[in-house]
Amino acid sequence: MTRVGTVLYPAQDLEVALAFYRDALGLPVKFQDGGRYAALDGGGVTLGLAAREEDVVGAPAAAFKVEDVAATVDRLTAAGAELVRGPDEGPHEVRAVLRDPAGHPFVIYAARA
C-alpha cells in the first residue's frame, strides 16, 4: 500500500530549521542523523528536514512509501512520470526522485532490506 510518509523540506542550516519546527512550531523530533537530516512528527506524516547532502529534490516535495521502488518507478514512468534520479541506496532507504506529468517533483522510497 502506497502512502505519503514524509514531506521533505530542504534546509540550508539544519540546526536553524530544526529549532524553528521543533521549538517554535512544537513538532516532536522522531529521529536525527547528525547535521544531515531530521524527522519530525507531523501527526501522521513526517516532516523531513534535509541538509544539502541529503536534499535529493531541491524543493519541498512529498515522499511516498512503497514496497518496491524499482517496480513503482516502472509503473509510474509508464503512466507519464519522468525519472530524475535513482533508484539509489540512501543512508536509510532506497529512493528515487521523479516528476509527475505536471512537472512536480516527488520521491518514492522503501526501507533498505
PDB file of N, CA and C in Angstrom:
ATOM      1  N   MET A   1       0.842  -1.182   0.000  1.00  0.00           N
ATOM      2  CA  MET A   1       0.000   0.000   0.000  1.00  0.00           C
ATOM      3  C   MET A   1       0.883   1.241   0.000  1.00  0.00           C
ATOM      4  N   THR A   2       0.669   2.114  -0.927  1.00  0.00           N
ATOM      5  CA  THR A   2       1.407   3.374  -1.000  1.00  0.00           C
ATOM      6  C   THR A   2       0.769   4.383  -0.053  1.00  0.00           C
ATOM      7  N   ARG A   3       1.631   5.147   0.617  1.00  0.00           N
ATOM      8  CA  ARG A   3       1.114   6.211   1.485  1.00  0.00           C
ATOM      9  C   ARG A   3       2.105   7.364   1.497  1.00  0.00           C
ATOM     10  N   VAL A   4       1.600   8.567   1.794  1.00  0.00           N
ATOM     11  CA  VAL A   4       2.506   9.697   1.994  1.00  0.00           C
ATOM     12  C   VAL A   4       3.181   9.442   3.327  1.00  0.00           C
ATOM     13  N   GLY A   5       4.483   9.264   3.283  1.00  0.00           N
ATOM     14  CA  GLY A   5       5.221   9.005   4.508  1.00  0.00           C
ATOM     15  C   GLY A   5       5.885  10.251   5.054  1.00  0.00           C
ATOM     16  N   THR A   6       6.385  11.090   4.132  1.00  0.00           N
ATOM     17  CA  THR A   6       7.178  12.246   4.531  1.00  0.00           C
ATOM     18  C   THR A   6       6.928  13.408   3.586  1.00  0.00           C
ATOM     19  N   VAL A   7       6.968  14.594   4.119  1.00  0.00           N
ATOM     20  CA  VAL A   7       7.048  15.803   3.311  1.00  0.00           C
ATOM     21  C   VAL A   7       8.454  16.339   3.552  1.00  0.00           C
ATOM     22  N   LEU A   8       9.234  16.424   2.480  1.00  0.00           N
ATOM     23  CA  LEU A   8      10.640  16.832   2.575  1.00  0.00           C
ATOM     24  C   LEU A   8      10.791  18.329   2.382  1.00  0.00           C
ATOM     25  N   TYR A   9      11.561  18.940   3.243  1.00  0.00           N
ATOM     26  CA  TYR A   9      11.913  20.353   3.111  1.00  0.00           C
ATOM     27  C   TYR A   9      13.434  20.456   3.087  1.00  0.00           C
ATOM     28  N   PRO A  10      13.995  21.126   2.082  1.00  0.00           N
ATOM     29  CA  PRO A  10      15.431  21.386   2.108  1.00  0.00           C
ATOM     30  C   PRO A  10      15.757  22.354   3.245  1.00  0.00           C
ATOM     31  N   ALA A  11      16.894  22.154   3.871  1.00  0.00           N
ATOM     32  CA  ALA A  11      17.304  23.017   4.983  1.00  0.00           C
ATOM     33  C   ALA A  11      18.713  23.541   4.705  1.00  0.00           C
ATOM     34  N   GLN A  12      18.837  24.835   4.506  1.00  0.00           N
ATOM     35  CA  GLN A  12      20.158  25.446   4.327  1.00  0.00           C
ATOM     36  C   GLN A  12      21.004  25.235   5.577  1.00  0.00           C
ATOM     37  N   ASP A  13      20.374  25.372   6.740  1.00  0.00           N
ATOM     38  CA  ASP A  13      21.023  25.181   8.031  1.00  0.00           C
ATOM     39  C   ASP A  13      20.100  24.292   8.852  1.00  0.00           C
ATOM     40  N   LEU A  14      20.469  23.038   8.998  1.00  0.00           N
ATOM     41  CA  LEU A  14      19.597  22.081   9.670  1.00  0.00           C
ATOM     42  C   LEU A  14      19.275  22.496  11.095  1.00  0.00           C
ATOM     43  N   GLU A  15      20.247  23.010  11.827  1.00  0.00           N
ATOM     44  CA  GLU A  15      20.003  23.388  13.225  1.00  0.00           C
ATOM     45  C   GLU A  15      18.988  24.534  13.333  1.00  0.00           C
ATOM     46  N   VAL A  16      19.064  25.501  12.431  1.00  0.00           N
ATOM     47  CA  VAL A  16      18.106  26.614  12.432  1.00  0.00           C
ATOM     48  C   VAL A  16      16.714  26.089  12.087  1.00  0.00           C
ATOM     49  N   ALA A  17      16.619  25.251  11.043  1.00  0.00           N
ATOM     50  CA  ALA A  17      15.323  24.702  10.640  1.00  0.00           C
ATOM     51  C   ALA A  17      14.745  23.826  11.751  1.00  0.00           C
ATOM     52  N   LEU A  18      15.590  22.997  12.354  1.00  0.00           N
ATOM     53  CA  LEU A  18      15.139  22.125  13.431  1.00  0.00           C
ATOM     54  C   LEU A  18      14.628  22.941  14.610  1.00  0.00           C
ATOM     55  N   ALA A  19      15.354  23.975  14.987  1.00  0.00           N
ATOM     56  CA  ALA A  19      14.915  24.827  16.095  1.00  0.00           C
ATOM     57  C   ALA A  19      13.559  25.459  15.792  1.00  0.00           C
ATOM     58  N   PHE A  20      13.360  25.892  14.558  1.00  0.00           N
ATOM     59  CA  PHE A  20      12.082  26.519  14.201  1.00  0.00           C
ATOM     60  C   PHE A  20      10.930  25.524  14.316  1.00  0.00           C
ATOM     61  N   TYR A  21      11.047  24.386  13.633  1.00  0.00           N
ATOM     62  CA  TYR A  21       9.930  23.438  13.599  1.00  0.00           C
ATOM     63  C   TYR A  21       9.742  22.701  14.923  1.00  0.00           C
ATOM     64  N   ARG A  22      10.820  22.467  15.655  1.00  0.00           N
ATOM     65  CA  ARG A  22      10.726  21.787  16.950  1.00  0.00           C
ATOM     66  C   ARG A  22      10.302  22.753  18.047  1.00  0.00           C
ATOM     67  N   ASP A  23      11.027  23.864  18.179  1.00  0.00           N
ATOM     68  CA  ASP A  23      10.824  24.757  19.309  1.00  0.00           C
ATOM     69  C   ASP A  23       9.690  25.752  19.086  1.00  0.00           C
ATOM     70  N   ALA A  24       9.650  26.380  17.927  1.00  0.00           N
ATOM     71  CA  ALA A  24       8.624  27.395  17.686  1.00  0.00           C
ATOM     72  C   ALA A  24       7.288  26.766  17.301  1.00  0.00           C
ATOM     73  N   LEU A  25       7.321  25.749  16.428  1.00  0.00           N
ATOM     74  CA  LEU A  25       6.065  25.137  15.987  1.00  0.00           C
ATOM     75  C   LEU A  25       5.626  24.002  16.908  1.00  0.00           C
ATOM     76  N   GLY A  26       6.566  23.389  17.601  1.00  0.00           N
ATOM     77  CA  GLY A  26       6.221  22.371  18.581  1.00  0.00           C
ATOM     78  C   GLY A  26       6.163  20.938  18.061  1.00  0.00           C
ATOM     79  N   LEU A  27       6.793  20.650  16.913  1.00  0.00           N
ATOM     80  CA  LEU A  27       6.782  19.278  16.399  1.00  0.00           C
ATOM     81  C   LEU A  27       7.854  18.449  17.103  1.00  0.00           C
ATOM     82  N   PRO A  28       7.489  17.290  17.634  1.00  0.00           N
ATOM     83  CA  PRO A  28       8.476  16.442  18.296  1.00  0.00           C
ATOM     84  C   PRO A  28       9.450  15.813  17.292  1.00  0.00           C
ATOM     85  N   VAL A  29      10.707  15.689  17.692  1.00  0.00           N
ATOM     86  CA  VAL A  29      11.714  15.050  16.852  1.00  0.00           C
ATOM     87  C   VAL A  29      11.565  13.536  16.986  1.00  0.00           C
ATOM     88  N   LYS A  30      11.444  12.865  15.829  1.00  0.00           N
ATOM     89  CA  LYS A  30      11.366  11.401  15.792  1.00  0.00           C
ATOM     90  C   LYS A  30      12.748  10.786  15.634  1.00  0.00           C
ATOM     91  N   PHE A  31      13.609  11.481  14.877  1.00  0.00           N
ATOM     92  CA  PHE A  31      14.906  10.926  14.507  1.00  0.00           C
ATOM     93  C   PHE A  31      15.781  12.053  13.993  1.00  0.00           C
ATOM     94  N   GLN A  32      17.076  11.987  14.290  1.00  0.00           N
ATOM     95  CA  GLN A  32      18.018  12.942  13.717  1.00  0.00           C
ATOM     96  C   GLN A  32      19.299  12.217  13.355  1.00  0.00           C
ATOM     97  N   ASP A  33      19.791  12.478  12.146  1.00  0.00           N
ATOM     98  CA  ASP A  33      21.052  11.914  11.668  1.00  0.00           C
ATOM     99  C   ASP A  33      22.068  13.045  11.618  1.00  0.00           C
ATOM    100  N   GLY A  34      22.626  13.372  12.771  1.00  0.00           N
ATOM    101  CA  GLY A  34      23.619  14.439  12.866  1.00  0.00           C
ATOM    102  C   GLY A  34      23.124  15.732  12.242  1.00  0.00           C
ATOM    103  N   GLY A  35      23.963  16.347  11.426  1.00  0.00           N
ATOM    104  CA  GLY A  35      23.605  17.580  10.744  1.00  0.00           C
ATOM    105  C   GLY A  35      23.080  17.338   9.343  1.00  0.00           C
ATOM    106  N   ARG A  36      22.761  16.063   9.014  1.00  0.00           N
ATOM    107  CA  ARG A  36      22.317  15.705   7.660  1.00  0.00           C
ATOM    108  C   ARG A  36      20.809  15.741   7.488  1.00  0.00           C
ATOM    109  N   TYR A  37      20.074  15.249   8.503  1.00  0.00           N
ATOM    110  CA  TYR A  37      18.640  15.015   8.321  1.00  0.00           C
ATOM    111  C   TYR A  37      17.963  14.975   9.678  1.00  0.00           C
ATOM    112  N   ALA A  38      16.743  15.466   9.740  1.00  0.00           N
ATOM    113  CA  ALA A  38      15.922  15.335  10.942  1.00  0.00           C
ATOM    114  C   ALA A  38      14.499  15.016  10.514  1.00  0.00           C
ATOM    115  N   ALA A  39      13.874  14.115  11.239  1.00  0.00           N
ATOM    116  CA  ALA A  39      12.483  13.734  11.001  1.00  0.00           C
ATOM    117  C   ALA A  39      11.658  14.198  12.192  1.00  0.00           C
ATOM    118  N   LEU A  40      10.605  14.939  11.912  1.00  0.00           N
ATOM    119  CA  LEU A  40       9.734  15.434  12.972  1.00  0.00           C
ATOM    120  C   LEU A  40       8.339  14.851  12.800  1.00  0.00           C
ATOM    121  N   ASP A  41       7.662  14.621  13.914  1.00  0.00           N
ATOM    122  CA  ASP A  41       6.327  14.043  13.896  1.00  0.00           C
ATOM    123  C   ASP A  41       5.311  15.111  13.518  1.00  0.00           C
ATOM    124  N   GLY A  42       4.759  14.965  12.323  1.00  0.00           N
ATOM    125  CA  GLY A  42       3.756  15.904  11.840  1.00  0.00           C
ATOM    126  C   GLY A  42       2.339  15.422  12.079  1.00  0.00           C
ATOM    127  N   GLY A  43       2.150  14.439  12.955  1.00  0.00           N
ATOM    128  CA  GLY A  43       0.808  13.961  13.265  1.00  0.00           C
ATOM    129  C   GLY A  43       0.251  13.044  12.186  1.00  0.00           C
ATOM    130  N   GLY A  44       1.005  12.041  11.822  1.00  0.00           N
ATOM    131  CA  GLY A  44       0.565  11.095  10.791  1.00  0.00           C
ATOM    132  C   GLY A  44       1.446  11.131   9.560  1.00  0.00           C
ATOM    133  N   VAL A  45       2.078  12.246   9.326  1.00  0.00           N
ATOM    134  CA  VAL A  45       3.040  12.392   8.226  1.00  0.00           C
ATOM    135  C   VAL A  45       4.298  13.006   8.826  1.00  0.00           C
ATOM    136  N   THR A  46       5.440  12.503   8.414  1.00  0.00           N
ATOM    137  CA  THR A  46       6.714  13.011   8.925  1.00  0.00           C
ATOM    138  C   THR A  46       7.146  14.242   8.134  1.00  0.00           C
ATOM    139  N   LEU A  47       7.630  15.247   8.838  1.00  0.00           N
ATOM    140  CA  LEU A  47       8.285  16.382   8.199  1.00  0.00           C
ATOM    141  C   LEU A  47       9.770  16.077   8.205  1.00  0.00           C
ATOM    142  N   GLY A  48      10.359  15.911   7.025  1.00  0.00           N
ATOM    143  CA  GLY A  48      11.776  15.614   6.904  1.00  0.00           C
ATOM    144  C   GLY A  48      12.549  16.864   6.534  1.00  0.00           C
ATOM    145  N   LEU A  49      13.504  17.238   7.352  1.00  0.00           N
ATOM    146  CA  LEU A  49      14.377  18.380   7.076  1.00  0.00           C
ATOM    147  C   LEU A  49      15.696  17.832   6.554  1.00  0.00           C
ATOM    148  N   ALA A  50      16.014  18.167   5.319  1.00  0.00           N
ATOM    149  CA  ALA A  50      17.184  17.592   4.659  1.00  0.00           C
ATOM    150  C   ALA A  50      18.235  18.658   4.407  1.00  0.00           C
ATOM    151  N   ALA A  51      19.403  18.469   5.021  1.00  0.00           N
ATOM    152  CA  ALA A  51      20.537  19.349   4.755  1.00  0.00           C
ATOM    153  C   ALA A  51      21.051  19.063   3.352  1.00  0.00           C
ATOM    154  N   ARG A  52      21.938  19.887   2.881  1.00  0.00           N
ATOM    155  CA  ARG A  52      22.426  19.827   1.500  1.00  0.00           C
ATOM    156  C   ARG A  52      22.780  18.406   1.040  1.00  0.00           C
ATOM    157  N   GLU A  53      23.512  17.643   1.845  1.00  0.00           N
ATOM    158  CA  GLU A  53      23.941  16.311   1.408  1.00  0.00           C
ATOM    159  C   GLU A  53      22.807  15.296   1.350  1.00  0.00           C
ATOM    160  N   GLU A  54      21.678  15.592   1.980  1.00  0.00           N
ATOM    161  CA  GLU A  54      20.516  14.692   1.936  1.00  0.00           C
ATOM    162  C   GLU A  54      19.380  15.247   1.091  1.00  0.00           C
ATOM    163  N   ASP A  55      19.521  16.449   0.578  1.00  0.00           N
ATOM    164  CA  ASP A  55      18.455  17.076  -0.216  1.00  0.00           C
ATOM    165  C   ASP A  55      18.500  16.528  -1.634  1.00  0.00           C
ATOM    166  N   VAL A  56      17.646  15.549  -1.922  1.00  0.00           N
ATOM    167  CA  VAL A  56      17.656  14.899  -3.232  1.00  0.00           C
ATOM    168  C   VAL A  56      16.746  15.583  -4.238  1.00  0.00           C
ATOM    169  N   VAL A  57      15.926  16.525  -3.804  1.00  0.00           N
ATOM    170  CA  VAL A  57      14.948  17.149  -4.701  1.00  0.00           C
ATOM    171  C   VAL A  57      15.260  18.614  -4.981  1.00  0.00           C
ATOM    172  N   GLY A  58      15.706  19.361  -3.977  1.00  0.00           N
ATOM    173  CA  GLY A  58      15.991  20.777  -4.167  1.00  0.00           C
ATOM    174  C   GLY A  58      14.798  21.683  -3.954  1.00  0.00           C
ATOM    175  N   ALA A  59      13.666  21.110  -3.568  1.00  0.00           N
ATOM    176  CA  ALA A  59      12.441  21.869  -3.329  1.00  0.00           C
ATOM    177  C   ALA A  59      11.573  21.047  -2.383  1.00  0.00           C
ATOM    178  N   PRO A  60      10.609  21.669  -1.715  1.00  0.00           N
ATOM    179  CA  PRO A  60       9.689  20.865  -0.918  1.00  0.00           C
ATOM    180  C   PRO A  60       9.004  19.821  -1.795  1.00  0.00           C
ATOM    181  N   ALA A  61       8.855  18.611  -1.266  1.00  0.00           N
ATOM    182  CA  ALA A  61       8.268  17.532  -2.054  1.00  0.00           C
ATOM    183  C   ALA A  61       7.690  16.463  -1.145  1.00  0.00           C
ATOM    184  N   ALA A  62       6.628  15.826  -1.605  1.00  0.00           N
ATOM    185  CA  ALA A  62       6.072  14.676  -0.900  1.00  0.00           C
ATOM    186  C   ALA A  62       6.952  13.464  -1.170  1.00  0.00           C
ATOM    187  N   ALA A  63       7.048  12.593  -0.188  1.00  0.00           N
ATOM    188  CA  ALA A  63       7.772  11.333  -0.341  1.00  0.00           C
ATOM    189  C   ALA A  63       6.801  10.208  -0.006  1.00  0.00           C
ATOM    190  N   PHE A  64       6.644   9.286  -0.943  1.00  0.00           N
ATOM    191  CA  PHE A  64       5.681   8.206  -0.810  1.00  0.00           C
ATOM    192  C   PHE A  64       6.385   6.908  -0.464  1.00  0.00           C
ATOM    193  N   LYS A  65       5.928   6.250   0.582  1.00  0.00           N
ATOM    194  CA  LYS A  65       6.500   4.965   0.984  1.00  0.00           C
ATOM    195  C   LYS A  65       5.841   3.863   0.152  1.00  0.00           C
ATOM    196  N   VAL A  66       6.677   3.050  -0.486  1.00  0.00           N
ATOM    197  CA  VAL A  66       6.192   1.965  -1.340  1.00  0.00           C
ATOM    198  C   VAL A  66       6.895   0.669  -0.945  1.00  0.00           C
ATOM    199  N   GLU A  67       6.401  -0.440  -1.441  1.00  0.00           N
ATOM    200  CA  GLU A  67       7.018  -1.738  -1.146  1.00  0.00           C
ATOM    201  C   GLU A  67       8.262  -1.974  -1.996  1.00  0.00           C
ATOM    202  N   ASP A  68       8.194  -1.627  -3.289  1.00  0.00           N
ATOM    203  CA  ASP A  68       9.257  -1.956  -4.244  1.00  0.00           C
ATOM    204  C   ASP A  68       9.525  -0.728  -5.109  1.00  0.00           C
ATOM    205  N   VAL A  69      10.654  -0.070  -4.872  1.00  0.00           N
ATOM    206  CA  VAL A  69      10.959   1.178  -5.580  1.00  0.00           C
ATOM    207  C   VAL A  69      11.105   0.944  -7.082  1.00  0.00           C
ATOM    208  N   ALA A  70      11.873  -0.064  -7.493  1.00  0.00           N
ATOM    209  CA  ALA A  70      12.105  -0.300  -8.923  1.00  0.00           C
ATOM    210  C   ALA A  70      10.799  -0.580  -9.659  1.00  0.00           C
ATOM    211  N   ALA A  71       9.949  -1.433  -9.108  1.00  0.00           N
ATOM    212  CA  ALA A  71       8.671  -1.751  -9.758  1.00  0.00           C
ATOM    213  C   ALA A  71       7.770  -0.524  -9.814  1.00  0.00           C
ATOM    214  N   THR A  72       7.800   0.288  -8.757  1.00  0.00           N
ATOM    215  CA  THR A  72       6.974   1.501  -8.739  1.00  0.00           C
ATOM    216  C   THR A  72       7.483   2.519  -9.752  1.00  0.00           C
ATOM    217  N   VAL A  73       8.806   2.650  -9.889  1.00  0.00           N
ATOM    218  CA  VAL A  73       9.368   3.542 -10.915  1.00  0.00           C
ATOM    219  C   VAL A  73       8.871   3.102 -12.291  1.00  0.00           C
ATOM    220  N   ASP A  74       8.917   1.808 -12.582  1.00  0.00           N
ATOM    221  CA  ASP A  74       8.447   1.309 -13.881  1.00  0.00           C
ATOM    222  C   ASP A  74       6.984   1.654 -14.112  1.00  0.00           C
ATOM    223  N   ARG A  75       6.159   1.429 -13.101  1.00  0.00           N
ATOM    224  CA  ARG A  75       4.723   1.713 -13.227  1.00  0.00           C
ATOM    225  C   ARG A  75       4.461   3.207 -13.434  1.00  0.00           C
ATOM    226  N   LEU A  76       5.177   4.054 -12.671  1.00  0.00           N
ATOM    227  CA  LEU A  76       4.947   5.495 -12.759  1.00  0.00           C
ATOM    228  C   LEU A  76       5.456   6.091 -14.070  1.00  0.00           C
ATOM    229  N   THR A  77       6.614   5.634 -14.525  1.00  0.00           N
ATOM    230  CA  THR A  77       7.120   6.163 -15.799  1.00  0.00           C
ATOM    231  C   THR A  77       6.225   5.723 -16.955  1.00  0.00           C
ATOM    232  N   ALA A  78       5.663   4.524 -16.875  1.00  0.00           N
ATOM    233  CA  ALA A  78       4.717   4.076 -17.902  1.00  0.00           C
ATOM    234  C   ALA A  78       3.449   4.937 -17.900  1.00  0.00           C
ATOM    235  N   ALA A  79       3.149   5.528 -16.744  1.00  0.00           N
ATOM    236  CA  ALA A  79       1.962   6.375 -16.608  1.00  0.00           C
ATOM    237  C   ALA A  79       2.256   7.849 -16.867  1.00  0.00           C
ATOM    238  N   GLY A  80       3.502   8.181 -17.276  1.00  0.00           N
ATOM    239  CA  GLY A  80       3.805   9.557 -17.649  1.00  0.00           C
ATOM    240  C   GLY A  80       4.744  10.310 -16.732  1.00  0.00           C
ATOM    241  N   ALA A  81       5.234   9.679 -15.659  1.00  0.00           N
ATOM    242  CA  ALA A  81       6.205  10.344 -14.782  1.00  0.00           C
ATOM    243  C   ALA A  81       7.576  10.329 -15.444  1.00  0.00           C
ATOM    244  N   GLU A  82       8.414  11.287 -15.056  1.00  0.00           N
ATOM    245  CA  GLU A  82       9.797  11.351 -15.541  1.00  0.00           C
ATOM    246  C   GLU A  82      10.720  10.976 -14.392  1.00  0.00           C
ATOM    247  N   LEU A  83      11.603  10.019 -14.638  1.00  0.00           N
ATOM    248  CA  LEU A  83      12.594   9.634 -13.638  1.00  0.00           C
ATOM    249  C   LEU A  83      13.709  10.671 -13.646  1.00  0.00           C
ATOM    250  N   VAL A  84      13.976  11.286 -12.503  1.00  0.00           N
ATOM    251  CA  VAL A  84      15.013  12.300 -12.371  1.00  0.00           C
ATOM    252  C   VAL A  84      16.299  11.672 -11.842  1.00  0.00           C
ATOM    253  N   ARG A  85      16.139  10.762 -10.880  1.00  0.00           N
ATOM    254  CA  ARG A  85      17.308  10.182 -10.229  1.00  0.00           C
ATOM    255  C   ARG A  85      16.921   8.870  -9.540  1.00  0.00           C
ATOM    256  N   GLY A  86      17.789   7.881  -9.666  1.00  0.00           N
ATOM    257  CA  GLY A  86      17.604   6.655  -8.911  1.00  0.00           C
ATOM    258  C   GLY A  86      17.053   5.525  -9.753  1.00  0.00           C
ATOM    259  N   PRO A  87      16.698   4.466  -9.061  1.00  0.00           N
ATOM    260  CA  PRO A  87      16.750   4.257  -7.628  1.00  0.00           C
ATOM    261  C   PRO A  87      18.179   4.239  -7.087  1.00  0.00           C
ATOM    262  N   ASP A  88      18.332   4.859  -5.921  1.00  0.00           N
ATOM    263  CA  ASP A  88      19.617   4.964  -5.237  1.00  0.00           C
ATOM    264  C   ASP A  88      19.480   4.408  -3.828  1.00  0.00           C
ATOM    265  N   GLU A  89      20.586   3.857  -3.326  1.00  0.00           N
ATOM    266  CA  GLU A  89      20.656   3.445  -1.925  1.00  0.00           C
ATOM    267  C   GLU A  89      21.006   4.675  -1.099  1.00  0.00           C
ATOM    268  N   GLY A  90      20.089   5.141  -0.274  1.00  0.00           N
ATOM    269  CA  GLY A  90      20.366   6.224   0.649  1.00  0.00           C
ATOM    270  C   GLY A  90      20.859   5.662   1.967  1.00  0.00           C
ATOM    271  N   PRO A  91      21.163   6.523   2.920  1.00  0.00           N
ATOM    272  CA  PRO A  91      21.678   6.031   4.192  1.00  0.00           C
ATOM    273  C   PRO A  91      20.651   5.205   4.972  1.00  0.00           C
ATOM    274  N   HIS A  92      19.364   5.410   4.688  1.00  0.00           N
ATOM    275  CA  HIS A  92      18.330   4.727   5.466  1.00  0.00           C
ATOM    276  C   HIS A  92      17.302   4.012   4.609  1.00  0.00           C
ATOM    277  N   GLU A  93      17.343   4.241   3.277  1.00  0.00           N
ATOM    278  CA  GLU A  93      16.333   3.671   2.414  1.00  0.00           C
ATOM    279  C   GLU A  93      16.812   3.625   0.973  1.00  0.00           C
ATOM    280  N   VAL A  94      16.032   2.943   0.144  1.00  0.00           N
ATOM    281  CA  VAL A  94      16.193   3.007  -1.306  1.00  0.00           C
ATOM    282  C   VAL A  94      15.204   4.065  -1.770  1.00  0.00           C
ATOM    283  N   ARG A  95      15.639   4.953  -2.672  1.00  0.00           N
ATOM    284  CA  ARG A  95      14.742   6.036  -3.080  1.00  0.00           C
ATOM    285  C   ARG A  95      14.970   6.391  -4.532  1.00  0.00           C
ATOM    286  N   ALA A  96      13.956   7.009  -5.097  1.00  0.00           N
ATOM    287  CA  ALA A  96      14.039   7.540  -6.454  1.00  0.00           C
ATOM    288  C   ALA A  96      13.300   8.872  -6.475  1.00  0.00           C
ATOM    289  N   VAL A  97      13.782   9.785  -7.303  1.00  0.00           N
ATOM    290  CA  VAL A  97      13.160  11.088  -7.464  1.00  0.00           C
ATOM    291  C   VAL A  97      12.533  11.113  -8.853  1.00  0.00           C
ATOM    292  N   LEU A  98      11.282  11.544  -8.905  1.00  0.00           N
ATOM    293  CA  LEU A  98      10.561  11.625 -10.176  1.00  0.00           C
ATOM    294  C   LEU A  98       9.854  12.965 -10.274  1.00  0.00           C
ATOM    295  N   ARG A  99       9.316  13.239 -11.448  1.00  0.00           N
ATOM    296  CA  ARG A  99       8.417  14.384 -11.657  1.00  0.00           C
ATOM    297  C   ARG A  99       7.114  13.829 -12.201  1.00  0.00           C
ATOM    298  N   ASP A 100       6.009  14.321 -11.662  1.00  0.00           N
ATOM    299  CA  ASP A 100       4.719  13.877 -12.175  1.00  0.00           C
ATOM    300  C   ASP A 100       4.479  14.499 -13.546  1.00  0.00           C
ATOM    301  N   PRO A 101       3.405  14.146 -14.247  1.00  0.00           N
ATOM    302  CA  PRO A 101       3.180  14.696 -15.590  1.00  0.00           C
ATOM    303  C   PRO A 101       3.105  16.223 -15.647  1.00  0.00           C
ATOM    304  N   ALA A 102       2.804  16.875 -14.508  1.00  0.00           N
ATOM    305  CA  ALA A 102       2.760  18.341 -14.469  1.00  0.00           C
ATOM    306  C   ALA A 102       4.125  18.942 -14.117  1.00  0.00           C
ATOM    307  N   GLY A 103       5.121  18.091 -13.856  1.00  0.00           N
ATOM    308  CA  GLY A 103       6.463  18.580 -13.547  1.00  0.00           C
ATOM    309  C   GLY A 103       6.792  18.717 -12.079  1.00  0.00           C
ATOM    310  N   HIS A 104       5.878  18.334 -11.186  1.00  0.00           N
ATOM    311  CA  HIS A 104       6.115  18.455  -9.743  1.00  0.00           C
ATOM    312  C   HIS A 104       7.029  17.324  -9.264  1.00  0.00           C
ATOM    313  N   PRO A 105       8.083  17.666  -8.497  1.00  0.00           N
ATOM    314  CA  PRO A 105       8.976  16.621  -8.003  1.00  0.00           C
ATOM    315  C   PRO A 105       8.334  15.856  -6.847  1.00  0.00           C
ATOM    316  N   PHE A 106       8.683  14.575  -6.765  1.00  0.00           N
ATOM    317  CA  PHE A 106       8.291  13.762  -5.624  1.00  0.00           C
ATOM    318  C   PHE A 106       9.294  12.626  -5.486  1.00  0.00           C
ATOM    319  N   VAL A 107       9.271  11.992  -4.322  1.00  0.00           N
ATOM    320  CA  VAL A 107      10.192  10.903  -4.012  1.00  0.00           C
ATOM    321  C   VAL A 107       9.373   9.667  -3.703  1.00  0.00           C
ATOM    322  N   ILE A 108       9.872   8.510  -4.130  1.00  0.00           N
ATOM    323  CA  ILE A 108       9.340   7.247  -3.646  1.00  0.00           C
ATOM    324  C   ILE A 108      10.470   6.557  -2.895  1.00  0.00           C
ATOM    325  N   TYR A 109      10.132   5.835  -1.825  1.00  0.00           N
ATOM    326  CA  TYR A 109      11.173   5.204  -1.019  1.00  0.00           C
ATOM    327  C   TYR A 109      10.646   3.925  -0.373  1.00  0.00           C
ATOM    328  N   ALA A 110      11.582   3.074  -0.019  1.00  0.00           N
ATOM    329  CA  ALA A 110      11.297   1.854   0.729  1.00  0.00           C
ATOM    330  C   ALA A 110      12.456   1.619   1.687  1.00  0.00           C
ATOM    331  N   ALA A 111      12.159   0.984   2.797  1.00  0.00           N
ATOM    332  CA  ALA A 111      13.217   0.655   3.760  1.00  0.00           C
ATOM    333  C   ALA A 111      14.230  -0.266   3.105  1.00  0.00           C
ATOM    334  N   ARG A 112      15.502  -0.069   3.450  1.00  0.00           N
ATOM    335  CA  ARG A 112      16.560  -0.939   2.901  1.00  0.00           C
ATOM    336  C   ARG A 112      16.395  -2.334   3.449  1.00  0.00           C
ATOM    337  N   ALA A 113      16.629  -3.301   2.581  1.00  0.00           N
ATOM    338  CA  ALA A 113      16.487  -4.708   3.000  1.00  0.00           C
ATOM    339  C   ALA A 113      17.679  -5.164   3.794  1.00  0.00           C
TER     340      ALA A 113
END
